């Protein structure tokens, strides 16, 4: 039977493979574009250089400012423990679990929304932030809130937050590069068609490959990203329970999240994968699981119940 450490190692390997896959797709797209435009392999080098430069700039921006952008988009405000009993309780829970996990205390934020949700972001444990909604603070008891914070701190401890920022930048780079190439083909189609008619079959094949990659590559990269993100939620649930020593708290919290039908207004498709549960679940097709940012909550609860030897549930009320 796989241990938590085996699952964590497998999870990291999948993450590295995803990053390498996206980089390889960018390289293939840039190379095919260069050959299609110039008719030679040597002519592909400037295109590859520009493509990697674009990816590097976007990745660098995500590394140093991605967390601030996510927090700003969510309308998150720094937690004030003196604002009330719920704020003080949240601050105490974060302190206790950081001590148990031997982690530096992350910055804690609140989101003024009655929906139930939370997320973690940052590039490493020393530069991490956690944000929770006011609705979560109001409707969860201390045991349940500890389960949620344990889950988010596990994302920090497992460096899931770094993965989220870097891969989002890489996938964004790929989407932007594909859009630029498709637009260049559209607006310069006539001239390049004349060039290709005078070129060789190798150039024509490269052009067709560029078109196919430009259309399909962003979709494929996004699907792989979502698949790995779902696995990371399972792992964060398990490692969060290891941290709190109490699977029941997270189980009950997830059940309340499943029953919550409110959409988090500040969330977008670009940030939805960061949250503990889908913030736009009302619009997420349940039948198309491969398109979902999160695994079904029923499955997550049953995995936690298995850890303590309880009988799996047939269903949990999900909107």
C-alpha atoms as a PDB file:
ATOM      1  CA  UNK A   1       0.000   0.000   0.000  1.00  0.00           C
ATOM      2  CA  UNK A   2       1.385   3.407  -0.995  1.00  0.00           C
ATOM      3  CA  UNK A   3       2.383   5.699   1.855  1.00  0.00           C
ATOM      4  CA  UNK A   4       1.864   9.449   2.018  1.00  0.00           C
ATOM      5  CA  UNK A   5       5.531   9.937   1.096  1.00  0.00           C
ATOM      6  CA  UNK A   6       5.147   7.681  -1.964  1.00  0.00           C
ATOM      7  CA  UNK A   7       2.117   9.694  -3.073  1.00  0.00           C
ATOM      8  CA  UNK A   8       3.968  12.974  -2.519  1.00  0.00           C
ATOM      9  CA  UNK A   9       6.956  11.765  -4.573  1.00  0.00           C
ATOM     10  CA  UNK A  10       4.682  10.557  -7.377  1.00  0.00           C
ATOM     11  CA  UNK A  11       2.853  13.865  -7.301  1.00  0.00           C
ATOM     12  CA  UNK A  12       6.084  15.813  -7.689  1.00  0.00           C
ATOM     13  CA  UNK A  13       7.181  13.593 -10.593  1.00  0.00           C
ATOM     14  CA  UNK A  14       3.894  14.251 -12.382  1.00  0.00           C
ATOM     15  CA  UNK A  15       4.357  17.980 -11.829  1.00  0.00           C
ATOM     16  CA  UNK A  16       7.863  17.947 -13.302  1.00  0.00           C
ATOM     17  CA  UNK A  17       6.620  15.929 -16.263  1.00  0.00           C
ATOM     18  CA  UNK A  18       3.861  18.453 -16.856  1.00  0.00           C
ATOM     19  CA  UNK A  19       6.313  21.356 -16.856  1.00  0.00           C
ATOM     20  CA  UNK A  20       8.606  19.460 -19.254  1.00  0.00           C
ATOM     21  CA  UNK A  21       5.629  18.627 -21.476  1.00  0.00           C
ATOM     22  CA  UNK A  22       4.570  22.265 -21.738  1.00  0.00           C
ATOM     23  CA  UNK A  23       8.165  23.355 -22.462  1.00  0.00           C
ATOM     24  CA  UNK A  24       8.452  20.642 -25.129  1.00  0.00           C
ATOM     25  CA  UNK A  25       5.206  21.798 -26.758  1.00  0.00           C
ATOM     26  CA  UNK A  26       6.465  25.396 -26.798  1.00  0.00           C
ATOM     27  CA  UNK A  27       9.722  24.208 -28.403  1.00  0.00           C
ATOM     28  CA  UNK A  28       7.877  22.161 -31.039  1.00  0.00           C
ATOM     29  CA  UNK A  29       5.505  25.017 -31.820  1.00  0.00           C
ATOM     30  CA  UNK A  30       8.306  27.574 -32.106  1.00  0.00           C
ATOM     31  CA  UNK A  31      10.468  25.270 -34.251  1.00  0.00           C
ATOM     32  CA  UNK A  32       7.656  24.393 -36.662  1.00  0.00           C
ATOM     33  CA  UNK A  33       6.741  28.095 -36.927  1.00  0.00           C
ATOM     34  CA  UNK A  34      10.333  29.040 -37.699  1.00  0.00           C
ATOM     35  CA  UNK A  35      10.681  26.399 -40.411  1.00  0.00           C
ATOM     36  CA  UNK A  36       7.304  27.298 -41.903  1.00  0.00           C
ATOM     37  CA  UNK A  37       8.146  30.999 -42.047  1.00  0.00           C
ATOM     38  CA  UNK A  38      11.754  30.741 -43.269  1.00  0.00           C
ATOM     39  CA  UNK A  39      11.984  27.383 -45.012  1.00  0.00           C
ATOM     40  CA  UNK A  40      15.087  26.299 -43.085  1.00  0.00           C
ATOM     41  CA  UNK A  41      15.965  24.724 -39.759  1.00  0.00           C
ATOM     42  CA  UNK A  42      18.427  27.524 -39.069  1.00  0.00           C
ATOM     43  CA  UNK A  43      15.618  30.037 -39.447  1.00  0.00           C
ATOM     44  CA  UNK A  44      13.746  28.387 -36.576  1.00  0.00           C
ATOM     45  CA  UNK A  45      16.312  29.492 -33.981  1.00  0.00           C
ATOM     46  CA  UNK A  46      15.119  33.130 -33.699  1.00  0.00           C
ATOM     47  CA  UNK A  47      11.528  31.958 -33.276  1.00  0.00           C
ATOM     48  CA  UNK A  48      12.555  29.485 -30.583  1.00  0.00           C
ATOM     49  CA  UNK A  49      14.597  32.158 -28.821  1.00  0.00           C
ATOM     50  CA  UNK A  50      11.695  34.628 -28.838  1.00  0.00           C
ATOM     51  CA  UNK A  51       9.253  31.955 -27.636  1.00  0.00           C
ATOM     52  CA  UNK A  52      11.421  30.908 -24.711  1.00  0.00           C
ATOM     53  CA  UNK A  53      12.054  34.556 -23.928  1.00  0.00           C
ATOM     54  CA  UNK A  54       8.313  35.169 -23.749  1.00  0.00           C
ATOM     55  CA  UNK A  55       7.855  32.176 -21.483  1.00  0.00           C
ATOM     56  CA  UNK A  56      10.748  33.280 -19.273  1.00  0.00           C
ATOM     57  CA  UNK A  57       9.381  36.804 -18.840  1.00  0.00           C
ATOM     58  CA  UNK A  58       5.882  35.565 -17.966  1.00  0.00           C
ATOM     59  CA  UNK A  59       7.281  32.932 -15.604  1.00  0.00           C
ATOM     60  CA  UNK A  60       9.498  35.511 -13.915  1.00  0.00           C
ATOM     61  CA  UNK A  61       6.487  37.779 -13.469  1.00  0.00           C
ATOM     62  CA  UNK A  62       4.475  34.919 -11.962  1.00  0.00           C
ATOM     63  CA  UNK A  63       7.379  34.004  -9.652  1.00  0.00           C
ATOM     64  CA  UNK A  64       7.697  37.449  -8.099  1.00  0.00           C
ATOM     65  CA  UNK A  65       4.220  38.897  -8.485  1.00  0.00           C
ATOM     66  CA  UNK A  66       1.787  36.095  -9.245  1.00  0.00           C
ATOM     67  CA  UNK A  67       0.612  35.708  -5.643  1.00  0.00           C
ATOM     68  CA  UNK A  68      -0.085  39.443  -5.297  1.00  0.00           C
ATOM     69  CA  UNK A  69      -2.064  39.387  -8.535  1.00  0.00           C
ATOM     70  CA  UNK A  70      -4.171  36.446  -7.319  1.00  0.00           C
ATOM     71  CA  UNK A  71      -4.852  38.086  -3.947  1.00  0.00           C
ATOM     72  CA  UNK A  72      -5.749  41.380  -5.612  1.00  0.00           C
ATOM     73  CA  UNK A  73      -8.096  39.630  -8.044  1.00  0.00           C
ATOM     74  CA  UNK A  74      -9.834  37.950  -5.095  1.00  0.00           C
ATOM     75  CA  UNK A  75     -10.202  41.245  -3.228  1.00  0.00           C
ATOM     76  CA  UNK A  76      -8.339  39.726  -0.275  1.00  0.00           C
ATOM     77  CA  UNK A  77      -7.558  41.911   2.757  1.00  0.00           C
ATOM     78  CA  UNK A  78      -5.065  41.193   5.564  1.00  0.00           C
ATOM     79  CA  UNK A  79      -6.555  39.377   8.548  1.00  0.00           C
ATOM     80  CA  UNK A  80      -7.136  41.541  11.624  1.00  0.00           C
ATOM     81  CA  UNK A  81      -7.256  39.257  14.708  1.00  0.00           C
ATOM     82  CA  UNK A  82      -8.717  42.099  16.764  1.00  0.00           C
ATOM     83  CA  UNK A  83     -11.730  42.458  14.450  1.00  0.00           C
ATOM     84  CA  UNK A  84     -13.718  39.701  16.157  1.00  0.00           C
ATOM     85  CA  UNK A  85     -13.799  36.213  17.643  1.00  0.00           C
ATOM     86  CA  UNK A  86     -13.825  34.481  14.237  1.00  0.00           C
ATOM     87  CA  UNK A  87     -10.753  36.380  13.062  1.00  0.00           C
ATOM     88  CA  UNK A  88      -8.921  35.616  16.306  1.00  0.00           C
ATOM     89  CA  UNK A  89      -9.825  31.929  16.066  1.00  0.00           C
ATOM     90  CA  UNK A  90      -8.508  31.747  12.489  1.00  0.00           C
ATOM     91  CA  UNK A  91      -5.254  33.414  13.538  1.00  0.00           C
ATOM     92  CA  UNK A  92      -4.815  30.947  16.402  1.00  0.00           C
ATOM     93  CA  UNK A  93      -5.501  27.946  14.158  1.00  0.00           C
ATOM     94  CA  UNK A  94      -2.889  29.104  11.657  1.00  0.00           C
ATOM     95  CA  UNK A  95      -0.334  29.571  14.451  1.00  0.00           C
ATOM     96  CA  UNK A  96      -1.018  26.124  15.925  1.00  0.00           C
ATOM     97  CA  UNK A  97      -0.825  24.242  12.638  1.00  0.00           C
ATOM     98  CA  UNK A  98       2.275  26.106  11.454  1.00  0.00           C
ATOM     99  CA  UNK A  99       3.972  25.088  14.687  1.00  0.00           C
ATOM    100  CA  UNK A 100       2.896  21.471  14.198  1.00  0.00           C
ATOM    101  CA  UNK A 101       4.075  21.454  10.572  1.00  0.00           C
ATOM    102  CA  UNK A 102       7.301  23.362  11.319  1.00  0.00           C
ATOM    103  CA  UNK A 103       6.344  25.977   8.739  1.00  0.00           C
ATOM    104  CA  UNK A 104       6.826  29.753   8.835  1.00  0.00           C
ATOM    105  CA  UNK A 105       3.523  31.519   9.375  1.00  0.00           C
ATOM    106  CA  UNK A 106       2.039  32.564   6.025  1.00  0.00           C
ATOM    107  CA  UNK A 107       0.302  35.867   5.504  1.00  0.00           C
ATOM    108  CA  UNK A 108      -3.405  35.412   6.194  1.00  0.00           C
ATOM    109  CA  UNK A 109      -6.140  37.219   4.274  1.00  0.00           C
ATOM    110  CA  UNK A 110      -9.914  37.303   4.274  1.00  0.00           C
ATOM    111  CA  UNK A 111     -12.296  37.624   1.322  1.00  0.00           C
ATOM    112  CA  UNK A 112     -15.516  39.520   1.939  1.00  0.00           C
ATOM    113  CA  UNK A 113     -17.875  36.950   0.447  1.00  0.00           C
ATOM    114  CA  UNK A 114     -20.471  34.636   2.000  1.00  0.00           C
ATOM    115  CA  UNK A 115     -19.488  31.679  -0.214  1.00  0.00           C
ATOM    116  CA  UNK A 116     -17.469  28.918   1.465  1.00  0.00           C
ATOM    117  CA  UNK A 117     -13.935  28.683   0.095  1.00  0.00           C
ATOM    118  CA  UNK A 118     -10.224  29.200   0.701  1.00  0.00           C
ATOM    119  CA  UNK A 119      -6.937  29.061  -1.195  1.00  0.00           C
ATOM    120  CA  UNK A 120      -3.175  29.240  -0.740  1.00  0.00           C
ATOM    121  CA  UNK A 121      -0.687  30.942  -3.035  1.00  0.00           C
ATOM    122  CA  UNK A 122       2.960  31.988  -3.150  1.00  0.00           C
ATOM    123  CA  UNK A 123       6.273  30.699  -4.453  1.00  0.00           C
ATOM    124  CA  UNK A 124       7.534  28.858  -1.341  1.00  0.00           C
ATOM    125  CA  UNK A 125       6.734  28.461   2.384  1.00  0.00           C
ATOM    126  CA  UNK A 126       8.625  31.664   3.217  1.00  0.00           C
ATOM    127  CA  UNK A 127       6.530  33.661   0.741  1.00  0.00           C
ATOM    128  CA  UNK A 128       3.138  32.006   1.165  1.00  0.00           C
ATOM    129  CA  UNK A 129      -0.323  33.440   1.725  1.00  0.00           C
ATOM    130  CA  UNK A 130      -3.647  31.890   2.724  1.00  0.00           C
ATOM    131  CA  UNK A 131      -7.014  33.509   2.054  1.00  0.00           C
ATOM    132  CA  UNK A 132     -10.399  32.401   3.412  1.00  0.00           C
ATOM    133  CA  UNK A 133     -13.867  33.786   2.799  1.00  0.00           C
ATOM    134  CA  UNK A 134     -15.948  35.409   5.506  1.00  0.00           C
ATOM    135  CA  UNK A 135     -18.586  32.772   4.815  1.00  0.00           C
ATOM    136  CA  UNK A 136     -16.146  30.010   5.682  1.00  0.00           C
ATOM    137  CA  UNK A 137     -15.196  31.710   8.933  1.00  0.00           C
ATOM    138  CA  UNK A 138     -18.848  32.133   9.880  1.00  0.00           C
ATOM    139  CA  UNK A 139     -20.204  28.675   9.017  1.00  0.00           C
ATOM    140  CA  UNK A 140     -17.367  26.356  10.034  1.00  0.00           C
ATOM    141  CA  UNK A 141     -16.551  25.404  13.613  1.00  0.00           C
ATOM    142  CA  UNK A 142     -13.001  25.244  14.918  1.00  0.00           C
ATOM    143  CA  UNK A 143     -12.511  21.567  14.073  1.00  0.00           C
ATOM    144  CA  UNK A 144     -13.709  22.066  10.505  1.00  0.00           C
ATOM    145  CA  UNK A 145     -11.671  25.241  10.033  1.00  0.00           C
ATOM    146  CA  UNK A 146      -8.579  23.385  11.237  1.00  0.00           C
ATOM    147  CA  UNK A 147      -9.206  20.785   8.531  1.00  0.00           C
ATOM    148  CA  UNK A 148      -9.398  23.474   5.833  1.00  0.00           C
ATOM    149  CA  UNK A 149      -6.285  25.311   7.050  1.00  0.00           C
ATOM    150  CA  UNK A 150      -4.438  21.990   7.317  1.00  0.00           C
ATOM    151  CA  UNK A 151      -5.342  21.333   3.688  1.00  0.00           C
ATOM    152  CA  UNK A 152      -4.078  24.755   2.573  1.00  0.00           C
ATOM    153  CA  UNK A 153      -0.875  24.490   4.606  1.00  0.00           C
ATOM    154  CA  UNK A 154      -0.273  21.125   2.933  1.00  0.00           C
ATOM    155  CA  UNK A 155      -0.340  22.902  -0.429  1.00  0.00           C
ATOM    156  CA  UNK A 156       2.325  25.209   0.999  1.00  0.00           C
ATOM    157  CA  UNK A 157       4.408  22.389   2.490  1.00  0.00           C
ATOM    158  CA  UNK A 158       4.186  20.283  -0.684  1.00  0.00           C
ATOM    159  CA  UNK A 159       5.191  23.296  -2.852  1.00  0.00           C
ATOM    160  CA  UNK A 160       1.911  22.995  -4.746  1.00  0.00           C
ATOM    161  CA  UNK A 161       1.698  26.782  -4.631  1.00  0.00           C
ATOM    162  CA  UNK A 162       4.941  27.109  -6.598  1.00  0.00           C
ATOM    163  CA  UNK A 163       3.744  24.565  -9.134  1.00  0.00           C
ATOM    164  CA  UNK A 164       0.471  26.453  -9.557  1.00  0.00           C
ATOM    165  CA  UNK A 165       2.193  29.734 -10.331  1.00  0.00           C
ATOM    166  CA  UNK A 166       4.829  28.314 -12.681  1.00  0.00           C
ATOM    167  CA  UNK A 167       2.543  26.073 -14.685  1.00  0.00           C
ATOM    168  CA  UNK A 168      -0.091  28.796 -15.009  1.00  0.00           C
ATOM    169  CA  UNK A 169       2.640  31.025 -16.473  1.00  0.00           C
ATOM    170  CA  UNK A 170       3.838  28.315 -18.864  1.00  0.00           C
ATOM    171  CA  UNK A 171       0.339  27.421 -20.043  1.00  0.00           C
ATOM    172  CA  UNK A 172      -0.401  31.129 -20.428  1.00  0.00           C
ATOM    173  CA  UNK A 173       2.784  31.547 -22.482  1.00  0.00           C
ATOM    174  CA  UNK A 174       1.742  28.692 -24.739  1.00  0.00           C
ATOM    175  CA  UNK A 175      -1.734  30.133 -25.239  1.00  0.00           C
ATOM    176  CA  UNK A 176      -0.312  33.588 -26.027  1.00  0.00           C
ATOM    177  CA  UNK A 177       2.266  32.169 -28.444  1.00  0.00           C
ATOM    178  CA  UNK A 178      -0.411  30.120 -30.227  1.00  0.00           C
ATOM    179  CA  UNK A 179      -2.630  33.175 -30.548  1.00  0.00           C
ATOM    180  CA  UNK A 180       0.212  35.270 -31.991  1.00  0.00           C
ATOM    181  CA  UNK A 181       1.080  32.608 -34.569  1.00  0.00           C
ATOM    182  CA  UNK A 182      -2.525  32.075 -35.639  1.00  0.00           C
ATOM    183  CA  UNK A 183      -3.031  35.815 -36.037  1.00  0.00           C
ATOM    184  CA  UNK A 184       0.169  36.121 -38.060  1.00  0.00           C
ATOM    185  CA  UNK A 185      -1.028  33.350 -40.374  1.00  0.00           C
ATOM    186  CA  UNK A 186      -4.445  34.981 -40.730  1.00  0.00           C
ATOM    187  CA  UNK A 187      -3.190  38.506 -41.450  1.00  0.00           C
ATOM    188  CA  UNK A 188      -0.217  37.438 -43.566  1.00  0.00           C
ATOM    189  CA  UNK A 189      -1.802  34.394 -45.173  1.00  0.00           C
ATOM    190  CA  UNK A 190      -1.564  35.498 -48.783  1.00  0.00           C
ATOM    191  CA  UNK A 191       2.112  36.366 -48.756  1.00  0.00           C
ATOM    192  CA  UNK A 192       3.111  33.249 -46.832  1.00  0.00           C
ATOM    193  CA  UNK A 193       0.986  31.045 -49.105  1.00  0.00           C
ATOM    194  CA  UNK A 194       3.004  32.312 -52.105  1.00  0.00           C
ATOM    195  CA  UNK A 195       6.221  31.609 -50.159  1.00  0.00           C
ATOM    196  CA  UNK A 196       5.122  28.080 -49.372  1.00  0.00           C
ATOM    197  CA  UNK A 197       4.150  27.352 -52.991  1.00  0.00           C
ATOM    198  CA  UNK A 198       7.713  28.125 -53.919  1.00  0.00           C
ATOM    199  CA  UNK A 199       9.107  26.231 -50.981  1.00  0.00           C
ATOM    200  CA  UNK A 200       9.706  22.541 -50.352  1.00  0.00           C
ATOM    201  CA  UNK A 201       7.437  19.861 -48.947  1.00  0.00           C
ATOM    202  CA  UNK A 202       9.310  20.055 -45.629  1.00  0.00           C
ATOM    203  CA  UNK A 203       8.232  23.680 -45.237  1.00  0.00           C
ATOM    204  CA  UNK A 204       4.607  22.827 -46.056  1.00  0.00           C
ATOM    205  CA  UNK A 205       4.588  20.044 -43.451  1.00  0.00           C
ATOM    206  CA  UNK A 206       6.090  22.399 -40.875  1.00  0.00           C
ATOM    207  CA  UNK A 207       3.383  24.958 -41.630  1.00  0.00           C
ATOM    208  CA  UNK A 208       0.601  22.397 -41.187  1.00  0.00           C
ATOM    209  CA  UNK A 209       2.201  21.144 -37.966  1.00  0.00           C
ATOM    210  CA  UNK A 210       2.379  24.720 -36.680  1.00  0.00           C
ATOM    211  CA  UNK A 211      -1.337  25.238 -37.339  1.00  0.00           C
ATOM    212  CA  UNK A 212      -2.295  21.973 -35.614  1.00  0.00           C
ATOM    213  CA  UNK A 213      -0.082  22.679 -32.591  1.00  0.00           C
ATOM    214  CA  UNK A 214      -1.266  26.275 -32.310  1.00  0.00           C
ATOM    215  CA  UNK A 215      -4.867  25.077 -32.110  1.00  0.00           C
ATOM    216  CA  UNK A 216      -4.522  21.909 -30.033  1.00  0.00           C
ATOM    217  CA  UNK A 217      -1.479  22.546 -27.809  1.00  0.00           C
ATOM    218  CA  UNK A 218      -3.110  25.031 -25.389  1.00  0.00           C
ATOM    219  CA  UNK A 219      -6.089  22.702 -24.978  1.00  0.00           C
ATOM    220  CA  UNK A 220      -3.904  19.651 -24.330  1.00  0.00           C
ATOM    221  CA  UNK A 221      -1.689  21.520 -21.861  1.00  0.00           C
ATOM    222  CA  UNK A 222      -4.734  22.796 -19.986  1.00  0.00           C
ATOM    223  CA  UNK A 223      -6.244  19.306 -19.729  1.00  0.00           C
ATOM    224  CA  UNK A 224      -3.010  17.836 -18.363  1.00  0.00           C
ATOM    225  CA  UNK A 225      -2.726  20.743 -15.923  1.00  0.00           C
ATOM    226  CA  UNK A 226      -6.252  20.087 -14.628  1.00  0.00           C
ATOM    227  CA  UNK A 227      -5.580  16.361 -14.250  1.00  0.00           C
ATOM    228  CA  UNK A 228      -2.497  16.955 -12.093  1.00  0.00           C
ATOM    229  CA  UNK A 229      -4.319  19.672 -10.123  1.00  0.00           C
ATOM    230  CA  UNK A 230      -7.031  17.173  -9.188  1.00  0.00           C
ATOM    231  CA  UNK A 231      -4.416  14.725  -7.920  1.00  0.00           C
ATOM    232  CA  UNK A 232      -2.882  17.486  -5.822  1.00  0.00           C
ATOM    233  CA  UNK A 233      -6.214  18.066  -4.089  1.00  0.00           C
ATOM    234  CA  UNK A 234      -6.351  14.418  -3.042  1.00  0.00           C
ATOM    235  CA  UNK A 235      -2.800  14.640  -1.732  1.00  0.00           C
ATOM    236  CA  UNK A 236      -3.464  17.888   0.152  1.00  0.00           C
ATOM    237  CA  UNK A 237      -6.493  16.263   1.815  1.00  0.00           C
ATOM    238  CA  UNK A 238      -4.394  13.308   2.976  1.00  0.00           C
ATOM    239  CA  UNK A 239      -1.423  15.372   4.147  1.00  0.00           C
ATOM    240  CA  UNK A 240      -3.765  17.860   5.833  1.00  0.00           C
ATOM    241  CA  UNK A 241      -5.222  15.017   7.891  1.00  0.00           C
ATOM    242  CA  UNK A 242      -1.697  13.893   8.744  1.00  0.00           C
ATOM    243  CA  UNK A 243      -1.081  17.405  10.052  1.00  0.00           C
ATOM    244  CA  UNK A 244      -4.274  17.809  12.103  1.00  0.00           C
ATOM    245  CA  UNK A 245      -4.587  14.114  13.125  1.00  0.00           C
ATOM    246  CA  UNK A 246      -8.330  14.529  12.625  1.00  0.00           C
ATOM    247  CA  UNK A 247      -9.941  13.424   9.335  1.00  0.00           C
ATOM    248  CA  UNK A 248     -13.444  14.116  10.652  1.00  0.00           C
ATOM    249  CA  UNK A 249     -12.912  17.882  10.716  1.00  0.00           C
ATOM    250  CA  UNK A 250     -11.959  18.048   7.035  1.00  0.00           C
ATOM    251  CA  UNK A 251     -14.710  15.557   6.144  1.00  0.00           C
ATOM    252  CA  UNK A 252     -17.364  17.765   7.712  1.00  0.00           C
ATOM    253  CA  UNK A 253     -15.870  20.888   6.132  1.00  0.00           C
ATOM    254  CA  UNK A 254     -15.941  19.291   2.674  1.00  0.00           C
ATOM    255  CA  UNK A 255     -19.550  18.218   3.222  1.00  0.00           C
ATOM    256  CA  UNK A 256     -20.489  21.832   3.983  1.00  0.00           C
ATOM    257  CA  UNK A 257     -18.582  22.986   0.913  1.00  0.00           C
ATOM    258  CA  UNK A 258     -20.493  20.458  -1.175  1.00  0.00           C
ATOM    259  CA  UNK A 259     -23.827  21.709   0.157  1.00  0.00           C
ATOM    260  CA  UNK A 260     -22.933  25.356  -0.487  1.00  0.00           C
ATOM    261  CA  UNK A 261     -24.617  26.447  -3.717  1.00  0.00           C
ATOM    262  CA  UNK A 262     -23.187  29.963  -3.759  1.00  0.00           C
ATOM    263  CA  UNK A 263     -20.712  30.940  -6.466  1.00  0.00           C
ATOM    264  CA  UNK A 264     -17.671  32.916  -5.332  1.00  0.00           C
ATOM    265  CA  UNK A 265     -18.065  36.087  -7.367  1.00  0.00           C
ATOM    266  CA  UNK A 266     -14.399  37.126  -7.343  1.00  0.00           C
ATOM    267  CA  UNK A 267     -13.127  33.800  -8.695  1.00  0.00           C
ATOM    268  CA  UNK A 268     -12.293  33.289 -12.366  1.00  0.00           C
ATOM    269  CA  UNK A 269     -11.416  30.302 -14.512  1.00  0.00           C
ATOM    270  CA  UNK A 270      -7.766  31.363 -14.253  1.00  0.00           C
ATOM    271  CA  UNK A 271      -7.779  31.139 -10.443  1.00  0.00           C
ATOM    272  CA  UNK A 272     -10.441  28.450  -9.847  1.00  0.00           C
ATOM    273  CA  UNK A 273      -7.891  25.631  -9.478  1.00  0.00           C
ATOM    274  CA  UNK A 274      -6.317  27.364  -6.457  1.00  0.00           C
ATOM    275  CA  UNK A 275      -9.372  27.013  -4.219  1.00  0.00           C
ATOM    276  CA  UNK A 276     -10.137  24.089  -1.910  1.00  0.00           C
ATOM    277  CA  UNK A 277     -13.381  23.490  -3.840  1.00  0.00           C
ATOM    278  CA  UNK A 278     -14.543  24.728  -7.215  1.00  0.00           C
ATOM    279  CA  UNK A 279     -15.656  28.347  -6.736  1.00  0.00           C
ATOM    280  CA  UNK A 280     -17.686  28.269  -9.952  1.00  0.00           C
ATOM    281  CA  UNK A 281     -19.214  24.847  -9.361  1.00  0.00           C
ATOM    282  CA  UNK A 282     -22.660  25.880 -10.542  1.00  0.00           C
ATOM    283  CA  UNK A 283     -21.318  26.284 -14.075  1.00  0.00           C
ATOM    284  CA  UNK A 284     -18.919  23.335 -14.066  1.00  0.00           C
ATOM    285  CA  UNK A 285     -20.311  20.313 -15.945  1.00  0.00           C
ATOM    286  CA  UNK A 286     -20.281  17.389 -13.536  1.00  0.00           C
ATOM    287  CA  UNK A 287     -20.384  14.826 -16.332  1.00  0.00           C
ATOM    288  CA  UNK A 288     -17.181  16.160 -17.921  1.00  0.00           C
ATOM    289  CA  UNK A 289     -14.833  15.235 -15.089  1.00  0.00           C
ATOM    290  CA  UNK A 290     -11.716  15.739 -17.201  1.00  0.00           C
ATOM    291  CA  UNK A 291     -12.650  19.426 -17.527  1.00  0.00           C
ATOM    292  CA  UNK A 292     -13.148  19.921 -13.790  1.00  0.00           C
ATOM    293  CA  UNK A 293     -10.623  21.826 -11.705  1.00  0.00           C
ATOM    294  CA  UNK A 294     -11.337  19.629  -8.650  1.00  0.00           C
ATOM    295  CA  UNK A 295     -12.185  15.974  -8.039  1.00  0.00           C
ATOM    296  CA  UNK A 296     -15.735  15.187  -6.854  1.00  0.00           C
ATOM    297  CA  UNK A 297     -16.158  16.060  -3.180  1.00  0.00           C
ATOM    298  CA  UNK A 298     -17.828  12.695  -2.553  1.00  0.00           C
ATOM    299  CA  UNK A 299     -14.636  10.943  -3.703  1.00  0.00           C
ATOM    300  CA  UNK A 300     -12.508  13.185  -1.503  1.00  0.00           C
ATOM    301  CA  UNK A 301     -14.641  12.496   1.557  1.00  0.00           C
ATOM    302  CA  UNK A 302     -14.623   8.744   0.910  1.00  0.00           C
ATOM    303  CA  UNK A 303     -10.825   8.715   0.681  1.00  0.00           C
ATOM    304  CA  UNK A 304     -10.694  10.414   4.068  1.00  0.00           C
ATOM    305  CA  UNK A 305     -13.213   7.958   5.490  1.00  0.00           C
ATOM    306  CA  UNK A 306     -11.073   5.093   4.225  1.00  0.00           C
ATOM    307  CA  UNK A 307      -8.122   6.457   6.192  1.00  0.00           C
ATOM    308  CA  UNK A 308     -10.054   5.961   9.448  1.00  0.00           C
ATOM    309  CA  UNK A 309     -11.729   2.715   8.410  1.00  0.00           C
ATOM    310  CA  UNK A 310     -15.230   4.178   7.982  1.00  0.00           C
ATOM    311  CA  UNK A 311     -17.762   3.029   5.409  1.00  0.00           C
ATOM    312  CA  UNK A 312     -17.745   5.076   2.187  1.00  0.00           C
ATOM    313  CA  UNK A 313     -20.743   7.265   1.465  1.00  0.00           C
ATOM    314  CA  UNK A 314     -22.906   6.699  -1.582  1.00  0.00           C
ATOM    315  CA  UNK A 315     -23.242  10.426  -2.224  1.00  0.00           C
ATOM    316  CA  UNK A 316     -22.780  13.883  -0.746  1.00  0.00           C
ATOM    317  CA  UNK A 317     -25.123  16.696  -1.707  1.00  0.00           C
ATOM    318  CA  UNK A 318     -23.297  18.670  -4.401  1.00  0.00           C
ATOM    319  CA  UNK A 319     -24.811  21.543  -6.410  1.00  0.00           C
END
